[in-house]
Amino acid sequence: MNSQWRKSTRSGGNGRCVEARYADHTAEVRDSKDKTGPVLAFDPAAWALFIQTIKIDA
């Protein structure tokens, strides 16, 4: 399991992005500007659906 926070390779480096990681069988997402703020957690099925949806809309 990789619990390191990662930014998208498409992030422009302007500080306006999210970070994601896999931890405890969930995908977690946070605001990169607020590293101690809230974290959204998704179960694997919800995360896969989210990723599939944004790929279709992109």
PDB file of N, CA and C in Angstrom:
ATOM      1  N   MET A   1       0.848  -1.183   0.000  1.00  0.00           N
ATOM      2  CA  MET A   1       0.000   0.000   0.000  1.00  0.00           C
ATOM      3  C   MET A   1       0.894   1.247   0.000  1.00  0.00           C
ATOM      4  N   ASN A   2       0.538   2.201  -0.825  1.00  0.00           N
ATOM      5  CA  ASN A   2       1.292   3.454  -0.895  1.00  0.00           C
ATOM      6  C   ASN A   2       0.462   4.542  -0.237  1.00  0.00           C
ATOM      7  N   SER A   3       0.924   5.074   0.881  1.00  0.00           N
ATOM      8  CA  SER A   3       0.148   6.100   1.572  1.00  0.00           C
ATOM      9  C   SER A   3       0.760   7.493   1.391  1.00  0.00           C
ATOM     10  N   GLN A   4       1.612   7.647   0.402  1.00  0.00           N
ATOM     11  CA  GLN A   4       2.223   8.945   0.125  1.00  0.00           C
ATOM     12  C   GLN A   4       1.242   9.806  -0.667  1.00  0.00           C
ATOM     13  N   TRP A   5       1.092  11.069  -0.257  1.00  0.00           N
ATOM     14  CA  TRP A   5       0.237  12.002  -0.987  1.00  0.00           C
ATOM     15  C   TRP A   5       0.893  12.336  -2.316  1.00  0.00           C
ATOM     16  N   ARG A   6       0.072  12.400  -3.384  1.00  0.00           N
ATOM     17  CA  ARG A   6       0.584  12.710  -4.719  1.00  0.00           C
ATOM     18  C   ARG A   6      -0.286  13.758  -5.385  1.00  0.00           C
ATOM     19  N   LYS A   7       0.354  14.637  -6.129  1.00  0.00           N
ATOM     20  CA  LYS A   7      -0.358  15.612  -6.949  1.00  0.00           C
ATOM     21  C   LYS A   7      -0.420  15.087  -8.371  1.00  0.00           C
ATOM     22  N   SER A   8      -1.409  15.510  -9.105  1.00  0.00           N
ATOM     23  CA  SER A   8      -1.535  15.122 -10.498  1.00  0.00           C
ATOM     24  C   SER A   8      -0.332  15.606 -11.293  1.00  0.00           C
ATOM     25  N   THR A   9       0.078  14.814 -12.267  1.00  0.00           N
ATOM     26  CA  THR A   9       1.157  15.242 -13.157  1.00  0.00           C
ATOM     27  C   THR A   9       0.697  16.408 -14.027  1.00  0.00           C
ATOM     28  N   ARG A  10      -0.604  16.632 -14.094  1.00  0.00           N
ATOM     29  CA  ARG A  10      -1.148  17.758 -14.869  1.00  0.00           C
ATOM     30  C   ARG A  10      -1.311  19.015 -14.023  1.00  0.00           C
ATOM     31  N   SER A  11      -0.911  18.953 -12.791  1.00  0.00           N
ATOM     32  CA  SER A  11      -0.992  20.122 -11.920  1.00  0.00           C
ATOM     33  C   SER A  11      -0.047  21.198 -12.445  1.00  0.00           C
ATOM     34  N   GLY A  12      -0.536  22.413 -12.478  1.00  0.00           N
ATOM     35  CA  GLY A  12       0.259  23.496 -13.027  1.00  0.00           C
ATOM     36  C   GLY A  12       1.287  24.073 -12.070  1.00  0.00           C
ATOM     37  N   GLY A  13       1.359  23.594 -10.866  1.00  0.00           N
ATOM     38  CA  GLY A  13       2.318  24.115  -9.910  1.00  0.00           C
ATOM     39  C   GLY A  13       1.914  25.449  -9.311  1.00  0.00           C
ATOM     40  N   ASN A  14       0.652  25.827  -9.475  1.00  0.00           N
ATOM     41  CA  ASN A  14       0.188  27.111  -8.946  1.00  0.00           C
ATOM     42  C   ASN A  14      -0.407  26.984  -7.543  1.00  0.00           C
ATOM     43  N   GLY A  15      -0.366  25.766  -6.973  1.00  0.00           N
ATOM     44  CA  GLY A  15      -0.881  25.567  -5.627  1.00  0.00           C
ATOM     45  C   GLY A  15      -2.373  25.327  -5.569  1.00  0.00           C
ATOM     46  N   ARG A  16      -3.016  25.342  -6.691  1.00  0.00           N
ATOM     47  CA  ARG A  16      -4.470  25.124  -6.742  1.00  0.00           C
ATOM     48  C   ARG A  16      -4.758  23.728  -7.268  1.00  0.00           C
ATOM     49  N   CYS A  17      -4.530  22.767  -6.427  1.00  0.00           N
ATOM     50  CA  CYS A  17      -4.772  21.396  -6.849  1.00  0.00           C
ATOM     51  C   CYS A  17      -5.135  20.545  -5.642  1.00  0.00           C
ATOM     52  N   VAL A  18      -5.441  19.319  -5.920  1.00  0.00           N
ATOM     53  CA  VAL A  18      -5.717  18.371  -4.857  1.00  0.00           C
ATOM     54  C   VAL A  18      -4.605  17.331  -4.851  1.00  0.00           C
ATOM     55  N   GLU A  19      -4.492  16.653  -3.731  1.00  0.00           N
ATOM     56  CA  GLU A  19      -3.560  15.543  -3.601  1.00  0.00           C
ATOM     57  C   GLU A  19      -4.380  14.299  -3.294  1.00  0.00           C
ATOM     58  N   ALA A  20      -3.876  13.160  -3.716  1.00  0.00           N
ATOM     59  CA  ALA A  20      -4.583  11.906  -3.477  1.00  0.00           C
ATOM     60  C   ALA A  20      -3.602  10.843  -3.008  1.00  0.00           C
ATOM     61  N   ARG A  21      -4.143   9.860  -2.311  1.00  0.00           N
ATOM     62  CA  ARG A  21      -3.345   8.710  -1.883  1.00  0.00           C
ATOM     63  C   ARG A  21      -4.273   7.538  -1.636  1.00  0.00           C
ATOM     64  N   TYR A  22      -3.685   6.347  -1.582  1.00  0.00           N
ATOM     65  CA  TYR A  22      -4.409   5.145  -1.180  1.00  0.00           C
ATOM     66  C   TYR A  22      -3.970   4.801   0.232  1.00  0.00           C
ATOM     67  N   ALA A  23      -4.936   4.593   1.111  1.00  0.00           N
ATOM     68  CA  ALA A  23      -4.636   4.254   2.510  1.00  0.00           C
ATOM     69  C   ALA A  23      -5.797   3.470   3.093  1.00  0.00           C
ATOM     70  N   ASP A  24      -5.500   2.407   3.791  1.00  0.00           N
ATOM     71  CA  ASP A  24      -6.534   1.612   4.481  1.00  0.00           C
ATOM     72  C   ASP A  24      -7.687   1.240   3.561  1.00  0.00           C
ATOM     73  N   HIS A  25      -7.373   0.767   2.371  1.00  0.00           N
ATOM     74  CA  HIS A  25      -8.373   0.308   1.403  1.00  0.00           C
ATOM     75  C   HIS A  25      -9.329   1.409   0.960  1.00  0.00           C
ATOM     76  N   THR A  26      -8.864   2.640   1.002  1.00  0.00           N
ATOM     77  CA  THR A  26      -9.663   3.764   0.511  1.00  0.00           C
ATOM     78  C   THR A  26      -8.770   4.681  -0.316  1.00  0.00           C
ATOM     79  N   ALA A  27      -9.402   5.456  -1.169  1.00  0.00           N
ATOM     80  CA  ALA A  27      -8.705   6.530  -1.869  1.00  0.00           C
ATOM     81  C   ALA A  27      -9.043   7.806  -1.114  1.00  0.00           C
ATOM     82  N   GLU A  28      -8.042   8.576  -0.766  1.00  0.00           N
ATOM     83  CA  GLU A  28      -8.247   9.808  -0.006  1.00  0.00           C
ATOM     84  C   GLU A  28      -7.807  11.009  -0.835  1.00  0.00           C
ATOM     85  N   VAL A  29      -8.529  12.110  -0.688  1.00  0.00           N
ATOM     86  CA  VAL A  29      -8.260  13.326  -1.446  1.00  0.00           C
ATOM     87  C   VAL A  29      -8.282  14.505  -0.480  1.00  0.00           C
ATOM     88  N   ARG A  30      -7.334  15.438  -0.653  1.00  0.00           N
ATOM     89  CA  ARG A  30      -7.300  16.640   0.182  1.00  0.00           C
ATOM     90  C   ARG A  30      -6.868  17.842  -0.651  1.00  0.00           C
ATOM     91  N   ASP A  31      -7.116  19.014  -0.130  1.00  0.00           N
ATOM     92  CA  ASP A  31      -6.689  20.270  -0.740  1.00  0.00           C
ATOM     93  C   ASP A  31      -5.197  20.437  -0.472  1.00  0.00           C
ATOM     94  N   SER A  32      -4.422  20.648  -1.509  1.00  0.00           N
ATOM     95  CA  SER A  32      -2.972  20.741  -1.324  1.00  0.00           C
ATOM     96  C   SER A  32      -2.556  21.976  -0.531  1.00  0.00           C
ATOM     97  N   LYS A  33      -3.424  22.982  -0.459  1.00  0.00           N
ATOM     98  CA  LYS A  33      -3.098  24.198   0.299  1.00  0.00           C
ATOM     99  C   LYS A  33      -3.408  24.043   1.784  1.00  0.00           C
ATOM    100  N   ASP A  34      -4.175  23.025   2.149  1.00  0.00           N
ATOM    101  CA  ASP A  34      -4.608  22.837   3.537  1.00  0.00           C
ATOM    102  C   ASP A  34      -4.308  21.406   3.961  1.00  0.00           C
ATOM    103  N   LYS A  35      -3.046  21.109   4.145  1.00  0.00           N
ATOM    104  CA  LYS A  35      -2.610  19.740   4.418  1.00  0.00           C
ATOM    105  C   LYS A  35      -3.131  19.171   5.735  1.00  0.00           C
ATOM    106  N   THR A  36      -3.573  20.005   6.647  1.00  0.00           N
ATOM    107  CA  THR A  36      -4.130  19.510   7.909  1.00  0.00           C
ATOM    108  C   THR A  36      -5.652  19.594   7.921  1.00  0.00           C
ATOM    109  N   GLY A  37      -6.223  19.987   6.794  1.00  0.00           N
ATOM    110  CA  GLY A  37      -7.676  20.142   6.697  1.00  0.00           C
ATOM    111  C   GLY A  37      -8.375  18.816   6.447  1.00  0.00           C
ATOM    112  N   PRO A  38      -9.643  18.895   6.067  1.00  0.00           N
ATOM    113  CA  PRO A  38     -10.446  17.681   5.874  1.00  0.00           C
ATOM    114  C   PRO A  38      -9.951  16.832   4.706  1.00  0.00           C
ATOM    115  N   VAL A  39     -10.234  15.546   4.812  1.00  0.00           N
ATOM    116  CA  VAL A  39      -9.870  14.572   3.788  1.00  0.00           C
ATOM    117  C   VAL A  39     -11.142  13.841   3.368  1.00  0.00           C
ATOM    118  N   LEU A  40     -11.366  13.742   2.066  1.00  0.00           N
ATOM    119  CA  LEU A  40     -12.466  12.947   1.545  1.00  0.00           C
ATOM    120  C   LEU A  40     -11.959  11.536   1.310  1.00  0.00           C
ATOM    121  N   ALA A  41     -12.721  10.539   1.727  1.00  0.00           N
ATOM    122  CA  ALA A  41     -12.318   9.148   1.545  1.00  0.00           C
ATOM    123  C   ALA A  41     -13.375   8.417   0.722  1.00  0.00           C
ATOM    124  N   PHE A  42     -12.910   7.644  -0.258  1.00  0.00           N
ATOM    125  CA  PHE A  42     -13.786   6.905  -1.158  1.00  0.00           C
ATOM    126  C   PHE A  42     -13.453   5.423  -1.093  1.00  0.00           C
ATOM    127  N   ASP A  43     -14.493   4.566  -1.102  1.00  0.00           N
ATOM    128  CA  ASP A  43     -14.215   3.138  -1.193  1.00  0.00           C
ATOM    129  C   ASP A  43     -13.752   2.848  -2.627  1.00  0.00           C
ATOM    130  N   PRO A  44     -13.133   1.703  -2.867  1.00  0.00           N
ATOM    131  CA  PRO A  44     -12.563   1.426  -4.196  1.00  0.00           C
ATOM    132  C   PRO A  44     -13.569   1.550  -5.348  1.00  0.00           C
ATOM    133  N   ALA A  45     -14.787   1.090  -5.163  1.00  0.00           N
ATOM    134  CA  ALA A  45     -15.782   1.161  -6.243  1.00  0.00           C
ATOM    135  C   ALA A  45     -16.155   2.605  -6.557  1.00  0.00           C
ATOM    136  N   ALA A  46     -16.351   3.421  -5.545  1.00  0.00           N
ATOM    137  CA  ALA A  46     -16.705   4.827  -5.757  1.00  0.00           C
ATOM    138  C   ALA A  46     -15.552   5.576  -6.415  1.00  0.00           C
ATOM    139  N   TRP A  47     -14.318   5.294  -6.010  1.00  0.00           N
ATOM    140  CA  TRP A  47     -13.156   5.955  -6.600  1.00  0.00           C
ATOM    141  C   TRP A  47     -13.013   5.561  -8.071  1.00  0.00           C
ATOM    142  N   ALA A  48     -13.167   4.280  -8.375  1.00  0.00           N
ATOM    143  CA  ALA A  48     -13.057   3.816  -9.759  1.00  0.00           C
ATOM    144  C   ALA A  48     -14.122   4.477 -10.639  1.00  0.00           C
ATOM    145  N   LEU A  49     -15.337   4.600 -10.127  1.00  0.00           N
ATOM    146  CA  LEU A  49     -16.402   5.263 -10.880  1.00  0.00           C
ATOM    147  C   LEU A  49     -16.072   6.734 -11.096  1.00  0.00           C
ATOM    148  N   PHE A  50     -15.559   7.397 -10.080  1.00  0.00           N
ATOM    149  CA  PHE A  50     -15.170   8.799 -10.200  1.00  0.00           C
ATOM    150  C   PHE A  50     -14.111   8.972 -11.289  1.00  0.00           C
ATOM    151  N   ILE A  51     -13.059   8.165 -11.249  1.00  0.00           N
ATOM    152  CA  ILE A  51     -11.981   8.256 -12.231  1.00  0.00           C
ATOM    153  C   ILE A  51     -12.512   7.968 -13.638  1.00  0.00           C
ATOM    154  N   GLN A  52     -13.335   6.951 -13.770  1.00  0.00           N
ATOM    155  CA  GLN A  52     -13.917   6.623 -15.071  1.00  0.00           C
ATOM    156  C   GLN A  52     -14.746   7.796 -15.596  1.00  0.00           C
ATOM    157  N   THR A  53     -15.510   8.422 -14.741  1.00  0.00           N
ATOM    158  CA  THR A  53     -16.362   9.534 -15.147  1.00  0.00           C
ATOM    159  C   THR A  53     -15.547  10.743 -15.600  1.00  0.00           C
ATOM    160  N   ILE A  54     -14.495  11.083 -14.872  1.00  0.00           N
ATOM    161  CA  ILE A  54     -13.731  12.263 -15.282  1.00  0.00           C
ATOM    162  C   ILE A  54     -12.930  11.990 -16.555  1.00  0.00           C
ATOM    163  N   LYS A  55     -12.560  10.743 -16.806  1.00  0.00           N
ATOM    164  CA  LYS A  55     -11.866  10.425 -18.053  1.00  0.00           C
ATOM    165  C   LYS A  55     -12.820  10.584 -19.232  1.00  0.00           C
ATOM    166  N   ILE A  56     -14.068  10.220 -19.057  1.00  0.00           N
ATOM    167  CA  ILE A  56     -15.068  10.352 -20.122  1.00  0.00           C
ATOM    168  C   ILE A  56     -15.353  11.815 -20.395  1.00  0.00           C
ATOM    169  N   ASP A  57     -15.435  12.632 -19.344  1.00  0.00           N
ATOM    170  CA  ASP A  57     -15.761  14.046 -19.491  1.00  0.00           C
ATOM    171  C   ASP A  57     -14.589  14.893 -19.949  1.00  0.00           C
ATOM    172  N   ALA A  58     -13.379  14.358 -19.861  1.00  0.00           N
ATOM    173  CA  ALA A  58     -12.184  15.163 -20.212  1.00  0.00           C
ATOM    174  C   ALA A  58     -12.008  15.318 -21.698  1.00  0.00           C
TER     175      ALA A  58
END
